[in-house]
Amino acid sequence: MATFRTFLVLFSALCLARISMAVDLSEVPGTDSFSSDFQNPTVLALELGSNLVTGEVGQEPGSGTILGDGTDAGTDGDYFTIIVPAGHRLDQVFVNRYNDFGRGFAAYAVGEQFAPVQDLGGGNFFYPFADAALFSGATDFEPSPPEPLFIGGSVPVDPGDGGLNVDFLAAGSYSFLIQENQNQAVDYVFDFVVTEIPEPTAIMSVCILLLTSASLRRRSAFVAND
C-alpha cells in the first residue's frame, strides 16, 4: 500500500501542471502601448502559470474609427501575439476584469498576425478569425469572480454566450484581439494560464515503477504462500 501511495504522489507530480507566480504583462499606464494594427500585434511571451494581460480599450465618440482594411484608427482594440512556449500549452483564459457597462469582443487567429480583412462587397467584410467571443462586463464578469473565455477540459458555449470553442492552445504563436464595441473606454485584465506537458519519458518511468511495484507484490505473495 505504501508503494502504491508513493506511485500516486509521483504520478500526480508528473501529470499535474506546476503553477508559478503570476507574470504581469501590462500596457504602459496612461498610454496606448498595445498595438492597434492587426498586422503588427504587440508580442507577449507567456510563461508557466498565470500571465496577467492588463490594458484599456474603447474610445470616446469621434476619437477614432475602424478603417475598411481592419486597421484601428483610434484605441478601439488591442492586438497582441501570444507565444506559448514549447513543452507547454495554454489551458485557460479568464476575464478577471472588464469594467463598467462595456460590451467586449475577443477573437484569435493562429500565427503571428491577423490576415487582412476581405471585402465581400455590399458593405460586408470577412474577418479571418479562428474563433471569436462576445461578453458583457456589466452582466457577466463584474463584479463576479473571474469567468472563463475558455477553460481547458470542456467545450465552452457558442461565441454568442461568451466562450471560444477550444479546449486548449498548443505551443506556438496566436494573435488575439480585444475590442470594445461601445463608444467608451474600459479597463480589462485577462489571465492566460499556461501549464506544462509532462515529458513522455517521465510518464514511461512512472509506468515502469508501477509495473515493478506490482511484480514485487505478486512475488511477495507467492513467497508467503510457499
Foldseek 3Di string as FASTA:
>chain_A
DVLVVVLVVLVCVQAFFDADDEAEAEDDPPDLRFDQAQAQGAEDEDDAHKYKYKDKAAAAPPQWDQDPFRGTGHRFKGKYKYFFAPQKWFQFKWWAAWDDFWKKKKFKAADGGWDTWADPDPPDIHGPTPAMAIDTRVPPHPPDGIDTLEGAPDQDDHRDVRHTRDRIGHGHMMMMMMGTPDRDMIMTMMIGHMGGHRDPVSVVVSVVSVVVVVVVVVVVVVVVVD
